[in-house]
Amino acid sequence: MEKQEKAKELINLSRVELLEKEKGLKDELFKLNLQRYAGRVEKPHMFSLIKRSIARIETILNLKERKI
């Protein structure tokens, strides 16, 4: 994952771009969970960062849907 993106940066993205970014983050979270169960997580702080980014994207998607 690059740097944590701010909501202002994400608002400017299209719905498709947001969905792609969300899918990528969920894949990354899945890989981290595999590492957790294997007992070798190098960066445990990434769990909260990725979950927060996913929630931020879902919030922006909901806001965009309500405007339509």
PDB file of N, CA and C in Angstrom:
ATOM      1  N   MET A   1       0.834  -1.178   0.000  1.00  0.00           N
ATOM      2  CA  MET A   1       0.000   0.000   0.000  1.00  0.00           C
ATOM      3  C   MET A   1       0.875   1.236   0.000  1.00  0.00           C
ATOM      4  N   GLU A   2       0.519   2.204  -0.840  1.00  0.00           N
ATOM      5  CA  GLU A   2       1.273   3.445  -0.865  1.00  0.00           C
ATOM      6  C   GLU A   2       1.003   4.195   0.423  1.00  0.00           C
ATOM      7  N   LYS A   3       0.965   5.501   0.325  1.00  0.00           N
ATOM      8  CA  LYS A   3       0.623   6.274   1.509  1.00  0.00           C
ATOM      9  C   LYS A   3      -0.879   6.217   1.730  1.00  0.00           C
ATOM     10  N   GLN A   4      -1.290   6.528   2.928  1.00  0.00           N
ATOM     11  CA  GLN A   4      -2.708   6.529   3.228  1.00  0.00           C
ATOM     12  C   GLN A   4      -3.345   7.740   2.551  1.00  0.00           C
ATOM     13  N   GLU A   5      -4.399   7.488   1.783  1.00  0.00           N
ATOM     14  CA  GLU A   5      -5.008   8.570   1.025  1.00  0.00           C
ATOM     15  C   GLU A   5      -6.043   9.298   1.861  1.00  0.00           C
ATOM     16  N   LYS A   6      -6.111  10.577   1.649  1.00  0.00           N
ATOM     17  CA  LYS A   6      -7.057  11.417   2.362  1.00  0.00           C
ATOM     18  C   LYS A   6      -8.386  11.422   1.623  1.00  0.00           C
ATOM     19  N   ALA A   7      -9.433  11.761   2.348  1.00  0.00           N
ATOM     20  CA  ALA A   7     -10.768  11.778   1.761  1.00  0.00           C
ATOM     21  C   ALA A   7     -10.863  12.793   0.626  1.00  0.00           C
ATOM     22  N   LYS A   8     -10.161  13.908   0.759  1.00  0.00           N
ATOM     23  CA  LYS A   8     -10.209  14.934  -0.293  1.00  0.00           C
ATOM     24  C   LYS A   8      -9.677  14.393  -1.611  1.00  0.00           C
ATOM     25  N   GLU A   9      -8.655  13.551  -1.542  1.00  0.00           N
ATOM     26  CA  GLU A   9      -8.086  12.971  -2.757  1.00  0.00           C
ATOM     27  C   GLU A   9      -9.021  11.924  -3.351  1.00  0.00           C
ATOM     28  N   LEU A  10      -9.717  11.193  -2.479  1.00  0.00           N
ATOM     29  CA  LEU A  10     -10.584  10.119  -2.952  1.00  0.00           C
ATOM     30  C   LEU A  10     -11.888  10.639  -3.557  1.00  0.00           C
ATOM     31  N   ILE A  11     -12.363  11.786  -3.103  1.00  0.00           N
ATOM     32  CA  ILE A  11     -13.627  12.331  -3.609  1.00  0.00           C
ATOM     33  C   ILE A  11     -13.536  12.611  -5.102  1.00  0.00           C
ATOM     34  N   ASN A  12     -12.365  12.980  -5.575  1.00  0.00           N
ATOM     35  CA  ASN A  12     -12.198  13.338  -6.982  1.00  0.00           C
ATOM     36  C   ASN A  12     -12.171  12.124  -7.907  1.00  0.00           C
ATOM     37  N   LEU A  13     -12.056  10.918  -7.353  1.00  0.00           N
ATOM     38  CA  LEU A  13     -11.998   9.719  -8.186  1.00  0.00           C
ATOM     39  C   LEU A  13     -13.400   9.302  -8.624  1.00  0.00           C
ATOM     40  N   SER A  14     -13.469   8.599  -9.742  1.00  0.00           N
ATOM     41  CA  SER A  14     -14.764   8.115 -10.219  1.00  0.00           C
ATOM     42  C   SER A  14     -15.188   6.889  -9.408  1.00  0.00           C
ATOM     43  N   ARG A  15     -16.427   6.488  -9.595  1.00  0.00           N
ATOM     44  CA  ARG A  15     -16.962   5.342  -8.864  1.00  0.00           C
ATOM     45  C   ARG A  15     -16.177   4.071  -9.196  1.00  0.00           C
ATOM     46  N   VAL A  16     -15.847   3.893 -10.464  1.00  0.00           N
ATOM     47  CA  VAL A  16     -15.108   2.703 -10.904  1.00  0.00           C
ATOM     48  C   VAL A  16     -13.719   2.672 -10.277  1.00  0.00           C
ATOM     49  N   GLU A  17     -13.052   3.824 -10.251  1.00  0.00           N
ATOM     50  CA  GLU A  17     -11.718   3.888  -9.648  1.00  0.00           C
ATOM     51  C   GLU A  17     -11.776   3.571  -8.155  1.00  0.00           C
ATOM     52  N   LEU A  18     -12.811   4.073  -7.482  1.00  0.00           N
ATOM     53  CA  LEU A  18     -12.968   3.792  -6.056  1.00  0.00           C
ATOM     54  C   LEU A  18     -13.205   2.311  -5.808  1.00  0.00           C
ATOM     55  N   LEU A  19     -14.025   1.687  -6.649  1.00  0.00           N
ATOM     56  CA  LEU A  19     -14.293   0.257  -6.495  1.00  0.00           C
ATOM     57  C   LEU A  19     -13.038  -0.567  -6.735  1.00  0.00           C
ATOM     58  N   GLU A  20     -12.229  -0.168  -7.716  1.00  0.00           N
ATOM     59  CA  GLU A  20     -10.966  -0.879  -7.981  1.00  0.00           C
ATOM     60  C   GLU A  20     -10.008  -0.739  -6.801  1.00  0.00           C
ATOM     61  N   LYS A  21      -9.937   0.464  -6.251  1.00  0.00           N
ATOM     62  CA  LYS A  21      -9.051   0.713  -5.117  1.00  0.00           C
ATOM     63  C   LYS A  21      -9.514  -0.088  -3.895  1.00  0.00           C
ATOM     64  N   GLU A  22     -10.834  -0.163  -3.704  1.00  0.00           N
ATOM     65  CA  GLU A  22     -11.388  -0.932  -2.584  1.00  0.00           C
ATOM     66  C   GLU A  22     -11.077  -2.420  -2.747  1.00  0.00           C
ATOM     67  N   LYS A  23     -11.205  -2.919  -3.963  1.00  0.00           N
ATOM     68  CA  LYS A  23     -10.908  -4.334  -4.218  1.00  0.00           C
ATOM     69  C   LYS A  23      -9.438  -4.632  -3.937  1.00  0.00           C
ATOM     70  N   GLY A  24      -8.557  -3.746  -4.346  1.00  0.00           N
ATOM     71  CA  GLY A  24      -7.129  -3.925  -4.086  1.00  0.00           C
ATOM     72  C   GLY A  24      -6.810  -3.938  -2.596  1.00  0.00           C
ATOM     73  N   LEU A  25      -7.460  -3.051  -1.851  1.00  0.00           N
ATOM     74  CA  LEU A  25      -7.239  -3.003  -0.403  1.00  0.00           C
ATOM     75  C   LEU A  25      -7.761  -4.253   0.278  1.00  0.00           C
ATOM     76  N   LYS A  26      -8.903  -4.758  -0.196  1.00  0.00           N
ATOM     77  CA  LYS A  26      -9.450  -5.978   0.401  1.00  0.00           C
ATOM     78  C   LYS A  26      -8.548  -7.180   0.109  1.00  0.00           C
ATOM     79  N   ASP A  27      -7.969  -7.216  -1.082  1.00  0.00           N
ATOM     80  CA  ASP A  27      -7.013  -8.283  -1.404  1.00  0.00           C
ATOM     81  C   ASP A  27      -5.787  -8.208  -0.495  1.00  0.00           C
ATOM     82  N   GLU A  28      -5.317  -6.989  -0.264  1.00  0.00           N
ATOM     83  CA  GLU A  28      -4.153  -6.796   0.592  1.00  0.00           C
ATOM     84  C   GLU A  28      -4.463  -7.206   2.037  1.00  0.00           C
ATOM     85  N   LEU A  29      -5.685  -6.893   2.488  1.00  0.00           N
ATOM     86  CA  LEU A  29      -6.104  -7.286   3.835  1.00  0.00           C
ATOM     87  C   LEU A  29      -6.191  -8.803   3.952  1.00  0.00           C
ATOM     88  N   PHE A  30      -6.656  -9.453   2.889  1.00  0.00           N
ATOM     89  CA  PHE A  30      -6.743 -10.909   2.870  1.00  0.00           C
ATOM     90  C   PHE A  30      -5.342 -11.527   3.007  1.00  0.00           C
ATOM     91  N   LYS A  31      -4.378 -10.975   2.271  1.00  0.00           N
ATOM     92  CA  LYS A  31      -3.011 -11.485   2.345  1.00  0.00           C
ATOM     93  C   LYS A  31      -2.413 -11.293   3.744  1.00  0.00           C
ATOM     94  N   LEU A  32      -2.735 -10.145   4.352  1.00  0.00           N
ATOM     95  CA  LEU A  32      -2.252  -9.904   5.709  1.00  0.00           C
ATOM     96  C   LEU A  32      -2.853 -10.911   6.689  1.00  0.00           C
ATOM     97  N   ASN A  33      -4.123 -11.236   6.499  1.00  0.00           N
ATOM     98  CA  ASN A  33      -4.764 -12.219   7.374  1.00  0.00           C
ATOM     99  C   ASN A  33      -4.127 -13.600   7.200  1.00  0.00           C
ATOM    100  N   LEU A  34      -3.749 -13.936   5.982  1.00  0.00           N
ATOM    101  CA  LEU A  34      -3.051 -15.206   5.769  1.00  0.00           C
ATOM    102  C   LEU A  34      -1.733 -15.214   6.529  1.00  0.00           C
ATOM    103  N   GLN A  35      -1.024 -14.092   6.489  1.00  0.00           N
ATOM    104  CA  GLN A  35       0.231 -13.994   7.233  1.00  0.00           C
ATOM    105  C   GLN A  35      -0.017 -14.102   8.730  1.00  0.00           C
ATOM    106  N   ARG A  36      -1.123 -13.515   9.193  1.00  0.00           N
ATOM    107  CA  ARG A  36      -1.438 -13.561  10.619  1.00  0.00           C
ATOM    108  C   ARG A  36      -1.625 -14.999  11.075  1.00  0.00           C
ATOM    109  N   TYR A  37      -2.352 -15.780  10.299  1.00  0.00           N
ATOM    110  CA  TYR A  37      -2.618 -17.158  10.701  1.00  0.00           C
ATOM    111  C   TYR A  37      -1.404 -18.062  10.499  1.00  0.00           C
ATOM    112  N   ALA A  38      -0.480 -17.631   9.655  1.00  0.00           N
ATOM    113  CA  ALA A  38       0.766 -18.371   9.503  1.00  0.00           C
ATOM    114  C   ALA A  38       1.754 -17.986  10.608  1.00  0.00           C
ATOM    115  N   GLY A  39       1.438 -16.907  11.330  1.00  0.00           N
ATOM    116  CA  GLY A  39       2.265 -16.502  12.453  1.00  0.00           C
ATOM    117  C   GLY A  39       3.442 -15.633  12.103  1.00  0.00           C
ATOM    118  N   ARG A  40       3.388 -14.947  10.979  1.00  0.00           N
ATOM    119  CA  ARG A  40       4.531 -14.111  10.597  1.00  0.00           C
ATOM    120  C   ARG A  40       4.083 -12.807   9.931  1.00  0.00           C
ATOM    121  N   VAL A  41       3.519 -11.921  10.716  1.00  0.00           N
ATOM    122  CA  VAL A  41       3.108 -10.617  10.202  1.00  0.00           C
ATOM    123  C   VAL A  41       4.240  -9.629  10.458  1.00  0.00           C
ATOM    124  N   GLU A  42       4.749  -9.045   9.383  1.00  0.00           N
ATOM    125  CA  GLU A  42       5.857  -8.104   9.507  1.00  0.00           C
ATOM    126  C   GLU A  42       5.381  -6.724   9.932  1.00  0.00           C
ATOM    127  N   LYS A  43       4.214  -6.312   9.449  1.00  0.00           N
ATOM    128  CA  LYS A  43       3.714  -4.965   9.734  1.00  0.00           C
ATOM    129  C   LYS A  43       2.286  -5.045  10.285  1.00  0.00           C
ATOM    130  N   PRO A  44       2.126  -5.335  11.560  1.00  0.00           N
ATOM    131  CA  PRO A  44       0.780  -5.483  12.113  1.00  0.00           C
ATOM    132  C   PRO A  44      -0.035  -4.187  12.111  1.00  0.00           C
ATOM    133  N   HIS A  45       0.620  -3.038  12.036  1.00  0.00           N
ATOM    134  CA  HIS A  45      -0.118  -1.778  12.012  1.00  0.00           C
ATOM    135  C   HIS A  45      -0.902  -1.587  10.712  1.00  0.00           C
ATOM    136  N   MET A  46      -0.572  -2.359   9.690  1.00  0.00           N
ATOM    137  CA  MET A  46      -1.246  -2.219   8.407  1.00  0.00           C
ATOM    138  C   MET A  46      -2.711  -2.649   8.458  1.00  0.00           C
ATOM    139  N   PHE A  47      -3.071  -3.526   9.397  1.00  0.00           N
ATOM    140  CA  PHE A  47      -4.464  -3.953   9.511  1.00  0.00           C
ATOM    141  C   PHE A  47      -5.378  -2.746   9.709  1.00  0.00           C
ATOM    142  N   SER A  48      -5.049  -1.921  10.687  1.00  0.00           N
ATOM    143  CA  SER A  48      -5.913  -0.777  10.975  1.00  0.00           C
ATOM    144  C   SER A  48      -5.878   0.258   9.859  1.00  0.00           C
ATOM    145  N   LEU A  49      -4.724   0.466   9.242  1.00  0.00           N
ATOM    146  CA  LEU A  49      -4.635   1.439   8.154  1.00  0.00           C
ATOM    147  C   LEU A  49      -5.477   1.018   6.950  1.00  0.00           C
ATOM    148  N   ILE A  50      -5.410  -0.260   6.604  1.00  0.00           N
ATOM    149  CA  ILE A  50      -6.165  -0.755   5.452  1.00  0.00           C
ATOM    150  C   ILE A  50      -7.662  -0.722   5.741  1.00  0.00           C
ATOM    151  N   LYS A  51      -8.051  -1.154   6.946  1.00  0.00           N
ATOM    152  CA  LYS A  51      -9.479  -1.130   7.299  1.00  0.00           C
ATOM    153  C   LYS A  51     -10.020   0.297   7.276  1.00  0.00           C
ATOM    154  N   ARG A  52      -9.228   1.228   7.765  1.00  0.00           N
ATOM    155  CA  ARG A  52      -9.652   2.632   7.772  1.00  0.00           C
ATOM    156  C   ARG A  52      -9.800   3.159   6.346  1.00  0.00           C
ATOM    157  N   SER A  53      -8.892   2.783   5.462  1.00  0.00           N
ATOM    158  CA  SER A  53      -8.972   3.228   4.069  1.00  0.00           C
ATOM    159  C   SER A  53     -10.190   2.641   3.378  1.00  0.00           C
ATOM    160  N   ILE A  54     -10.489   1.375   3.654  1.00  0.00           N
ATOM    161  CA  ILE A  54     -11.676   0.738   3.070  1.00  0.00           C
ATOM    162  C   ILE A  54     -12.933   1.455   3.549  1.00  0.00           C
ATOM    163  N   ALA A  55     -13.013   1.762   4.833  1.00  0.00           N
ATOM    164  CA  ALA A  55     -14.179   2.459   5.374  1.00  0.00           C
ATOM    165  C   ALA A  55     -14.317   3.847   4.754  1.00  0.00           C
ATOM    166  N   ARG A  56     -13.194   4.519   4.545  1.00  0.00           N
ATOM    167  CA  ARG A  56     -13.214   5.848   3.938  1.00  0.00           C
ATOM    168  C   ARG A  56     -13.760   5.769   2.511  1.00  0.00           C
ATOM    169  N   ILE A  57     -13.332   4.771   1.759  1.00  0.00           N
ATOM    170  CA  ILE A  57     -13.799   4.608   0.377  1.00  0.00           C
ATOM    171  C   ILE A  57     -15.288   4.276   0.361  1.00  0.00           C
ATOM    172  N   GLU A  58     -15.732   3.387   1.258  1.00  0.00           N
ATOM    173  CA  GLU A  58     -17.149   3.022   1.302  1.00  0.00           C
ATOM    174  C   GLU A  58     -18.014   4.223   1.669  1.00  0.00           C
ATOM    175  N   THR A  59     -17.528   5.064   2.552  1.00  0.00           N
ATOM    176  CA  THR A  59     -18.268   6.270   2.919  1.00  0.00           C
ATOM    177  C   THR A  59     -18.420   7.203   1.727  1.00  0.00           C
ATOM    178  N   ILE A  60     -17.357   7.383   0.972  1.00  0.00           N
ATOM    179  CA  ILE A  60     -17.408   8.264  -0.192  1.00  0.00           C
ATOM    180  C   ILE A  60     -18.332   7.687  -1.250  1.00  0.00           C
ATOM    181  N   LEU A  61     -18.296   6.354  -1.435  1.00  0.00           N
ATOM    182  CA  LEU A  61     -19.212   5.723  -2.392  1.00  0.00           C
ATOM    183  C   LEU A  61     -20.667   5.946  -1.982  1.00  0.00           C
ATOM    184  N   ASN A  62     -20.966   5.822  -0.691  1.00  0.00           N
ATOM    185  CA  ASN A  62     -22.327   6.053  -0.214  1.00  0.00           C
ATOM    186  C   ASN A  62     -22.748   7.504  -0.428  1.00  0.00           C
ATOM    187  N   LEU A  63     -21.852   8.437  -0.179  1.00  0.00           N
ATOM    188  CA  LEU A  63     -22.165   9.856  -0.407  1.00  0.00           C
ATOM    189  C   LEU A  63     -22.447  10.117  -1.872  1.00  0.00           C
ATOM    190  N   LYS A  64     -21.666   9.527  -2.759  1.00  0.00           N
ATOM    191  CA  LYS A  64     -21.876   9.716  -4.190  1.00  0.00           C
ATOM    192  C   LYS A  64     -23.208   9.106  -4.632  1.00  0.00           C
ATOM    193  N   GLU A  65     -23.595   7.971  -4.057  1.00  0.00           N
ATOM    194  CA  GLU A  65     -24.872   7.340  -4.412  1.00  0.00           C
ATOM    195  C   GLU A  65     -26.044   8.201  -3.982  1.00  0.00           C
ATOM    196  N   ARG A  66     -25.943   8.800  -2.813  1.00  0.00           N
ATOM    197  CA  ARG A  66     -27.046   9.618  -2.304  1.00  0.00           C
ATOM    198  C   ARG A  66     -27.238  10.889  -3.102  1.00  0.00           C
ATOM    199  N   LYS A  67     -26.168  11.398  -3.722  1.00  0.00           N
ATOM    200  CA  LYS A  67     -26.273  12.602  -4.536  1.00  0.00           C
ATOM    201  C   LYS A  67     -26.987  12.339  -5.849  1.00  0.00           C
ATOM    202  N   ILE A  68     -26.957  11.095  -6.299  1.00  0.00           N
ATOM    203  CA  ILE A  68     -27.556  10.758  -7.608  1.00  0.00           C
ATOM    204  C   ILE A  68     -29.049  10.750  -7.534  1.00  0.00           C
TER     205      ILE A  68
END
